[in-house]
Amino acid sequence: MLAALLVAATVSVGACDLAAAQTVVDDVNDHRVQARERPLVIDPQLTAVAMDRAADLLRHHYFAHVGPDGTTALDALRSRDFRFSYAGENLAEAGSIQAAELGLWDSPDHRENILERHYRRIGIAVVRTADNVQFIVQIFTD
């Protein structure tokens, strides 16, 4: 299912690692079920936003929730007329997907975002740089 959603969503500086993205979503949903929260559904519009955010991180050489131009994931959602009441973004950067996921789970703020009870949908981008650094961008909405 994820592959179908991401076929057209590519980053000019790299492509989404579809298998890794599915692994991340499966891990998120496993943890949500263990916490008695509803699993998240992959949303193609949110995935497009996640891919755009990953591309922006890589093109402009930064790693933050606020871009050099002052924009955020919320701005990206609003610019697409995406309706939401609750939204959040997680970013991870590491040498492997496993290390990036551990970093997210070890961070109370990121873990809280993943387990937020209001969220119903997720967009996901997993991009590997030329020097083999993994970037994960997760976008969540209700």
N, C-alpha and C. Protein backbone atom coordinates (compact mmCIF):
# COMPACT_ATOMS: atom_id res chain seq x y z
N MET A 1 0.82 -1.19 0.00
CA MET A 1 0.00 0.00 0.00
C MET A 1 0.87 1.25 0.00
N LEU A 2 1.90 1.28 0.83
CA LEU A 2 2.75 2.46 0.90
C LEU A 2 3.42 2.73 -0.44
N ALA A 3 3.87 1.71 -1.13
CA ALA A 3 4.54 1.91 -2.41
C ALA A 3 3.64 2.64 -3.39
N ALA A 4 2.39 2.29 -3.40
CA ALA A 4 1.46 2.95 -4.32
C ALA A 4 1.30 4.43 -3.97
N LEU A 5 1.35 4.75 -2.71
CA LEU A 5 1.19 6.13 -2.30
C LEU A 5 2.42 6.97 -2.59
N LEU A 6 3.59 6.33 -2.67
CA LEU A 6 4.83 7.08 -2.78
C LEU A 6 5.46 7.06 -4.16
N VAL A 7 4.88 6.37 -5.09
CA VAL A 7 5.48 6.27 -6.41
C VAL A 7 5.77 7.63 -7.01
N ALA A 8 4.83 8.56 -6.92
CA ALA A 8 5.03 9.88 -7.52
C ALA A 8 5.75 10.84 -6.59
N ALA A 9 5.92 10.46 -5.34
CA ALA A 9 6.53 11.37 -4.37
C ALA A 9 8.02 11.07 -4.26
N THR A 10 8.81 11.74 -5.05
CA THR A 10 10.25 11.56 -4.99
C THR A 10 10.92 12.88 -4.67
N VAL A 11 12.10 12.78 -4.15
CA VAL A 11 12.88 13.96 -3.80
C VAL A 11 14.03 14.03 -4.78
N SER A 12 14.24 15.19 -5.37
CA SER A 12 15.28 15.30 -6.38
C SER A 12 16.67 15.01 -5.81
N VAL A 13 16.85 15.20 -4.52
CA VAL A 13 18.15 14.92 -3.92
C VAL A 13 18.22 13.51 -3.36
N GLY A 14 17.18 12.74 -3.52
CA GLY A 14 17.15 11.36 -3.05
C GLY A 14 15.74 10.83 -3.21
N ALA A 15 15.60 9.54 -3.08
CA ALA A 15 14.28 8.93 -3.21
C ALA A 15 13.87 8.35 -1.88
N CYS A 16 12.57 8.23 -1.68
CA CYS A 16 12.07 7.65 -0.45
C CYS A 16 12.38 6.16 -0.44
N ASP A 17 12.87 5.68 0.68
CA ASP A 17 13.13 4.25 0.88
C ASP A 17 11.80 3.64 1.31
N LEU A 18 11.08 3.05 0.37
CA LEU A 18 9.73 2.56 0.62
C LEU A 18 9.69 1.47 1.68
N ALA A 19 10.62 0.55 1.64
CA ALA A 19 10.64 -0.53 2.63
C ALA A 19 10.88 0.04 4.03
N ALA A 20 11.81 0.97 4.14
CA ALA A 20 12.10 1.59 5.43
C ALA A 20 10.90 2.39 5.92
N ALA A 21 10.24 3.11 5.01
CA ALA A 21 9.06 3.89 5.39
C ALA A 21 7.97 2.98 5.93
N GLN A 22 7.75 1.85 5.28
CA GLN A 22 6.74 0.91 5.77
C GLN A 22 7.14 0.35 7.12
N THR A 23 8.42 0.07 7.32
CA THR A 23 8.91 -0.41 8.61
C THR A 23 8.64 0.60 9.71
N VAL A 24 8.88 1.87 9.42
CA VAL A 24 8.65 2.93 10.41
C VAL A 24 7.16 3.02 10.75
N VAL A 25 6.30 3.01 9.75
CA VAL A 25 4.86 3.08 10.00
C VAL A 25 4.40 1.86 10.79
N ASP A 26 4.89 0.69 10.44
CA ASP A 26 4.53 -0.53 11.19
C ASP A 26 4.96 -0.42 12.64
N ASP A 27 6.16 0.11 12.88
CA ASP A 27 6.66 0.28 14.24
C ASP A 27 5.80 1.28 15.01
N VAL A 28 5.47 2.39 14.38
CA VAL A 28 4.60 3.39 15.01
C VAL A 28 3.28 2.73 15.40
N ASN A 29 2.68 2.00 14.48
CA ASN A 29 1.38 1.39 14.75
C ASN A 29 1.46 0.28 15.79
N ASP A 30 2.54 -0.48 15.80
CA ASP A 30 2.72 -1.50 16.85
C ASP A 30 2.74 -0.84 18.23
N HIS A 31 3.47 0.26 18.35
CA HIS A 31 3.53 0.97 19.63
C HIS A 31 2.18 1.59 20.00
N ARG A 32 1.49 2.10 19.01
CA ARG A 32 0.17 2.69 19.28
C ARG A 32 -0.80 1.62 19.77
N VAL A 33 -0.79 0.46 19.16
CA VAL A 33 -1.69 -0.62 19.58
C VAL A 33 -1.33 -1.07 21.00
N GLN A 34 -0.05 -1.19 21.29
CA GLN A 34 0.38 -1.56 22.64
C GLN A 34 -0.09 -0.53 23.67
N ALA A 35 -0.15 0.73 23.27
CA ALA A 35 -0.60 1.81 24.15
C ALA A 35 -2.13 1.98 24.11
N ARG A 36 -2.81 1.07 23.44
CA ARG A 36 -4.27 1.09 23.30
C ARG A 36 -4.78 2.30 22.53
N GLU A 37 -3.98 2.71 21.54
CA GLU A 37 -4.39 3.79 20.64
C GLU A 37 -4.65 3.20 19.26
N ARG A 38 -5.47 3.86 18.52
CA ARG A 38 -5.82 3.42 17.18
C ARG A 38 -4.61 3.53 16.25
N PRO A 39 -4.37 2.51 15.39
CA PRO A 39 -3.28 2.61 14.40
C PRO A 39 -3.54 3.77 13.44
N LEU A 40 -2.48 4.34 12.93
CA LEU A 40 -2.58 5.44 11.99
C LEU A 40 -2.70 4.92 10.56
N VAL A 41 -3.41 5.66 9.75
CA VAL A 41 -3.59 5.34 8.34
C VAL A 41 -2.65 6.23 7.54
N ILE A 42 -1.96 5.65 6.59
CA ILE A 42 -1.08 6.43 5.71
C ILE A 42 -1.95 7.29 4.79
N ASP A 43 -1.64 8.57 4.78
CA ASP A 43 -2.39 9.52 3.97
C ASP A 43 -1.48 10.05 2.87
N PRO A 44 -1.89 9.95 1.60
CA PRO A 44 -1.02 10.38 0.50
C PRO A 44 -0.70 11.88 0.53
N GLN A 45 -1.64 12.72 0.96
CA GLN A 45 -1.35 14.15 1.04
C GLN A 45 -0.32 14.44 2.14
N LEU A 46 -0.45 13.76 3.25
CA LEU A 46 0.53 13.93 4.33
C LEU A 46 1.89 13.39 3.91
N THR A 47 1.89 12.32 3.15
CA THR A 47 3.15 11.76 2.65
C THR A 47 3.82 12.75 1.71
N ALA A 48 3.04 13.42 0.89
CA ALA A 48 3.61 14.44 -0.01
C ALA A 48 4.23 15.57 0.80
N VAL A 49 3.57 15.98 1.88
CA VAL A 49 4.12 17.03 2.75
C VAL A 49 5.42 16.53 3.39
N ALA A 50 5.42 15.29 3.87
CA ALA A 50 6.63 14.72 4.48
C ALA A 50 7.78 14.68 3.48
N MET A 51 7.48 14.30 2.24
CA MET A 51 8.52 14.26 1.21
C MET A 51 9.04 15.66 0.92
N ASP A 52 8.14 16.63 0.85
CA ASP A 52 8.56 18.02 0.62
C ASP A 52 9.44 18.52 1.76
N ARG A 53 9.07 18.17 2.99
CA ARG A 53 9.87 18.58 4.15
C ARG A 53 11.25 17.93 4.09
N ALA A 54 11.32 16.64 3.75
CA ALA A 54 12.61 15.96 3.63
C ALA A 54 13.47 16.61 2.56
N ALA A 55 12.86 16.93 1.43
CA ALA A 55 13.60 17.57 0.35
C ALA A 55 14.14 18.92 0.79
N ASP A 56 13.32 19.68 1.53
CA ASP A 56 13.75 20.99 2.00
C ASP A 56 14.92 20.87 2.98
N LEU A 57 14.84 19.91 3.89
CA LEU A 57 15.94 19.67 4.84
C LEU A 57 17.25 19.41 4.10
N LEU A 58 17.18 18.56 3.11
CA LEU A 58 18.39 18.17 2.38
C LEU A 58 18.89 19.27 1.45
N ARG A 59 17.99 19.92 0.78
CA ARG A 59 18.41 20.98 -0.15
C ARG A 59 19.03 22.18 0.56
N HIS A 60 18.48 22.52 1.73
CA HIS A 60 18.91 23.72 2.43
C HIS A 60 19.82 23.42 3.62
N HIS A 61 20.20 22.16 3.76
CA HIS A 61 21.21 21.74 4.76
C HIS A 61 20.89 22.21 6.17
N TYR A 62 19.70 21.85 6.64
CA TYR A 62 19.34 22.15 8.03
C TYR A 62 18.59 20.96 8.60
N PHE A 63 18.43 20.94 9.90
CA PHE A 63 17.68 19.88 10.55
C PHE A 63 16.90 20.52 11.71
N ALA A 64 15.70 20.98 11.41
CA ALA A 64 14.88 21.68 12.39
C ALA A 64 13.43 21.69 11.93
N HIS A 65 12.53 21.96 12.86
CA HIS A 65 11.11 22.03 12.53
C HIS A 65 10.74 23.34 11.84
N VAL A 66 11.61 24.32 11.93
CA VAL A 66 11.39 25.59 11.26
C VAL A 66 12.47 25.77 10.21
N GLY A 67 12.05 25.96 8.95
CA GLY A 67 12.99 26.11 7.85
C GLY A 67 13.68 27.46 7.88
N PRO A 68 14.74 27.60 7.11
CA PRO A 68 15.46 28.88 7.03
C PRO A 68 14.55 30.04 6.62
N ASP A 69 13.49 29.73 5.88
CA ASP A 69 12.55 30.78 5.47
C ASP A 69 11.43 30.99 6.49
N GLY A 70 11.49 30.29 7.63
CA GLY A 70 10.51 30.45 8.69
C GLY A 70 9.29 29.56 8.57
N THR A 71 9.23 28.69 7.56
CA THR A 71 8.07 27.84 7.37
C THR A 71 8.19 26.55 8.18
N THR A 72 7.02 25.99 8.48
CA THR A 72 6.92 24.74 9.25
C THR A 72 6.04 23.75 8.51
N ALA A 73 5.91 22.56 9.06
CA ALA A 73 5.00 21.57 8.50
C ALA A 73 3.56 22.07 8.52
N LEU A 74 3.21 22.82 9.55
CA LEU A 74 1.84 23.37 9.61
C LEU A 74 1.59 24.34 8.45
N ASP A 75 2.60 25.12 8.12
CA ASP A 75 2.47 26.02 6.96
C ASP A 75 2.27 25.21 5.68
N ALA A 76 3.01 24.12 5.56
CA ALA A 76 2.89 23.27 4.37
C ALA A 76 1.49 22.67 4.28
N LEU A 77 0.94 22.24 5.41
CA LEU A 77 -0.43 21.70 5.41
C LEU A 77 -1.44 22.77 5.03
N ARG A 78 -1.29 23.93 5.62
CA ARG A 78 -2.23 25.02 5.33
C ARG A 78 -2.14 25.47 3.87
N SER A 79 -0.94 25.49 3.31
CA SER A 79 -0.78 25.93 1.92
C SER A 79 -1.47 24.97 0.95
N ARG A 80 -1.70 23.75 1.38
CA ARG A 80 -2.40 22.76 0.56
C ARG A 80 -3.88 22.67 0.93
N ASP A 81 -4.35 23.59 1.74
CA ASP A 81 -5.73 23.59 2.21
C ASP A 81 -6.11 22.29 2.91
N PHE A 82 -5.15 21.71 3.60
CA PHE A 82 -5.38 20.46 4.34
C PHE A 82 -6.09 20.83 5.65
N ARG A 83 -7.21 20.20 5.91
CA ARG A 83 -7.98 20.50 7.12
C ARG A 83 -7.53 19.60 8.26
N PHE A 84 -7.29 20.22 9.41
CA PHE A 84 -6.89 19.47 10.60
C PHE A 84 -7.16 20.31 11.84
N SER A 85 -7.33 19.63 12.94
CA SER A 85 -7.41 20.30 14.24
C SER A 85 -6.14 20.06 15.03
N TYR A 86 -5.58 18.86 14.87
CA TYR A 86 -4.34 18.49 15.54
C TYR A 86 -3.33 18.07 14.49
N ALA A 87 -2.11 18.53 14.63
CA ALA A 87 -1.05 18.13 13.69
C ALA A 87 0.29 18.19 14.41
N GLY A 88 1.21 17.38 13.94
CA GLY A 88 2.54 17.38 14.50
C GLY A 88 3.54 16.83 13.52
N GLU A 89 4.80 17.03 13.84
CA GLU A 89 5.88 16.56 12.98
C GLU A 89 6.99 15.99 13.86
N ASN A 90 7.51 14.86 13.45
CA ASN A 90 8.72 14.30 14.05
C ASN A 90 9.79 14.24 12.98
N LEU A 91 11.00 14.58 13.36
CA LEU A 91 12.17 14.47 12.49
C LEU A 91 13.20 13.60 13.18
N ALA A 92 13.86 12.77 12.40
CA ALA A 92 14.96 11.96 12.94
C ALA A 92 16.06 11.90 11.90
N GLU A 93 17.28 11.83 12.40
CA GLU A 93 18.46 11.74 11.53
C GLU A 93 19.45 10.81 12.22
N ALA A 94 19.89 9.79 11.50
CA ALA A 94 20.82 8.82 12.09
C ALA A 94 21.48 8.00 10.99
N GLY A 95 22.41 7.18 11.38
CA GLY A 95 23.11 6.32 10.44
C GLY A 95 22.30 5.14 9.96
N SER A 96 21.22 4.82 10.67
CA SER A 96 20.35 3.72 10.26
C SER A 96 18.92 4.03 10.68
N ILE A 97 17.99 3.33 10.07
CA ILE A 97 16.58 3.51 10.41
C ILE A 97 16.36 3.09 11.86
N GLN A 98 16.98 2.00 12.27
CA GLN A 98 16.82 1.52 13.63
C GLN A 98 17.29 2.57 14.65
N ALA A 99 18.44 3.18 14.39
CA ALA A 99 18.96 4.21 15.29
C ALA A 99 18.05 5.44 15.30
N ALA A 100 17.52 5.81 14.14
CA ALA A 100 16.61 6.95 14.07
C ALA A 100 15.33 6.67 14.86
N GLU A 101 14.79 5.47 14.70
CA GLU A 101 13.58 5.11 15.44
C GLU A 101 13.83 5.10 16.94
N LEU A 102 14.96 4.55 17.36
CA LEU A 102 15.30 4.55 18.79
C LEU A 102 15.40 5.97 19.33
N GLY A 103 15.98 6.85 18.54
CA GLY A 103 16.07 8.25 18.95
C GLY A 103 14.70 8.87 19.15
N LEU A 104 13.77 8.55 18.26
CA LEU A 104 12.41 9.07 18.41
C LEU A 104 11.74 8.52 19.67
N TRP A 105 11.88 7.22 19.90
CA TRP A 105 11.24 6.60 21.06
C TRP A 105 11.89 7.03 22.36
N ASP A 106 13.17 7.35 22.34
CA ASP A 106 13.87 7.78 23.56
C ASP A 106 13.57 9.23 23.92
N SER A 107 12.98 9.97 23.01
CA SER A 107 12.64 11.37 23.25
C SER A 107 11.19 11.46 23.73
N PRO A 108 10.96 11.94 24.94
CA PRO A 108 9.57 12.03 25.44
C PRO A 108 8.65 12.84 24.52
N ASP A 109 9.13 13.95 23.96
CA ASP A 109 8.28 14.76 23.08
C ASP A 109 7.91 14.03 21.80
N HIS A 110 8.89 13.32 21.21
CA HIS A 110 8.60 12.58 19.98
C HIS A 110 7.69 11.38 20.26
N ARG A 111 7.95 10.69 21.35
CA ARG A 111 7.10 9.55 21.72
C ARG A 111 5.66 10.02 21.96
N GLU A 112 5.52 11.15 22.65
CA GLU A 112 4.19 11.70 22.90
C GLU A 112 3.49 12.02 21.58
N ASN A 113 4.21 12.57 20.63
CA ASN A 113 3.65 12.86 19.32
C ASN A 113 3.16 11.58 18.65
N ILE A 114 3.97 10.55 18.68
CA ILE A 114 3.61 9.28 18.03
C ILE A 114 2.37 8.66 18.66
N LEU A 115 2.24 8.79 19.97
CA LEU A 115 1.13 8.16 20.69
C LEU A 115 -0.06 9.09 20.92
N GLU A 116 0.00 10.30 20.38
CA GLU A 116 -1.09 11.27 20.57
C GLU A 116 -2.43 10.65 20.15
N ARG A 117 -3.37 10.68 21.07
CA ARG A 117 -4.66 10.00 20.83
C ARG A 117 -5.52 10.66 19.76
N HIS A 118 -5.30 11.94 19.48
CA HIS A 118 -6.10 12.63 18.47
C HIS A 118 -5.68 12.30 17.04
N TYR A 119 -4.48 11.82 16.86
CA TYR A 119 -3.99 11.56 15.51
C TYR A 119 -4.64 10.32 14.92
N ARG A 120 -4.95 10.42 13.65
CA ARG A 120 -5.56 9.31 12.90
C ARG A 120 -4.78 8.98 11.63
N ARG A 121 -3.98 9.96 11.15
CA ARG A 121 -3.30 9.79 9.87
C ARG A 121 -1.81 10.11 10.02
N ILE A 122 -1.04 9.53 9.10
CA ILE A 122 0.40 9.78 9.09
C ILE A 122 0.87 9.93 7.64
N GLY A 123 1.83 10.80 7.46
CA GLY A 123 2.59 10.89 6.21
C GLY A 123 4.03 10.57 6.58
N ILE A 124 4.72 9.87 5.73
CA ILE A 124 6.07 9.39 6.08
C ILE A 124 7.02 9.55 4.90
N ALA A 125 8.21 10.01 5.22
CA ALA A 125 9.30 10.05 4.23
C ALA A 125 10.54 9.52 4.92
N VAL A 126 11.22 8.62 4.25
CA VAL A 126 12.52 8.11 4.71
C VAL A 126 13.47 8.27 3.54
N VAL A 127 14.47 9.12 3.74
CA VAL A 127 15.40 9.44 2.66
C VAL A 127 16.82 9.22 3.15
N ARG A 128 17.62 8.58 2.32
CA ARG A 128 19.04 8.36 2.62
C ARG A 128 19.88 9.33 1.79
N THR A 129 20.81 9.98 2.44
CA THR A 129 21.68 10.92 1.73
C THR A 129 22.83 10.17 1.06
N ALA A 130 23.58 10.88 0.24
CA ALA A 130 24.72 10.27 -0.44
C ALA A 130 25.77 9.76 0.55
N ASP A 131 25.86 10.39 1.71
CA ASP A 131 26.82 9.93 2.71
C ASP A 131 26.17 8.98 3.72
N ASN A 132 25.04 8.37 3.31
CA ASN A 132 24.39 7.28 4.03
C ASN A 132 23.76 7.69 5.36
N VAL A 133 23.31 8.92 5.47
CA VAL A 133 22.56 9.35 6.64
C VAL A 133 21.08 9.19 6.32
N GLN A 134 20.34 8.63 7.27
CA GLN A 134 18.91 8.41 7.10
C GLN A 134 18.13 9.57 7.71
N PHE A 135 17.20 10.12 6.96
CA PHE A 135 16.29 11.14 7.46
C PHE A 135 14.89 10.55 7.50
N ILE A 136 14.20 10.73 8.61
CA ILE A 136 12.80 10.35 8.73
C ILE A 136 12.00 11.60 9.00
N VAL A 137 10.94 11.78 8.23
CA VAL A 137 9.99 12.86 8.49
C VAL A 137 8.63 12.20 8.66
N GLN A 138 8.02 12.42 9.83
CA GLN A 138 6.69 11.93 10.11
C GLN A 138 5.77 13.14 10.29
N ILE A 139 4.65 13.15 9.57
CA ILE A 139 3.64 14.19 9.72
C ILE A 139 2.36 13.50 10.22
N PHE A 140 1.80 14.03 11.29
CA PHE A 140 0.61 13.45 11.91
C PHE A 140 -0.54 14.45 11.88
N THR A 141 -1.75 13.96 11.66
CA THR A 141 -2.95 14.79 11.81
C THR A 141 -4.10 13.94 12.32
N ASP A 142 -5.13 14.67 12.74
CA ASP A 142 -6.35 13.98 13.17
C ASP A 142 -7.16 13.57 11.96
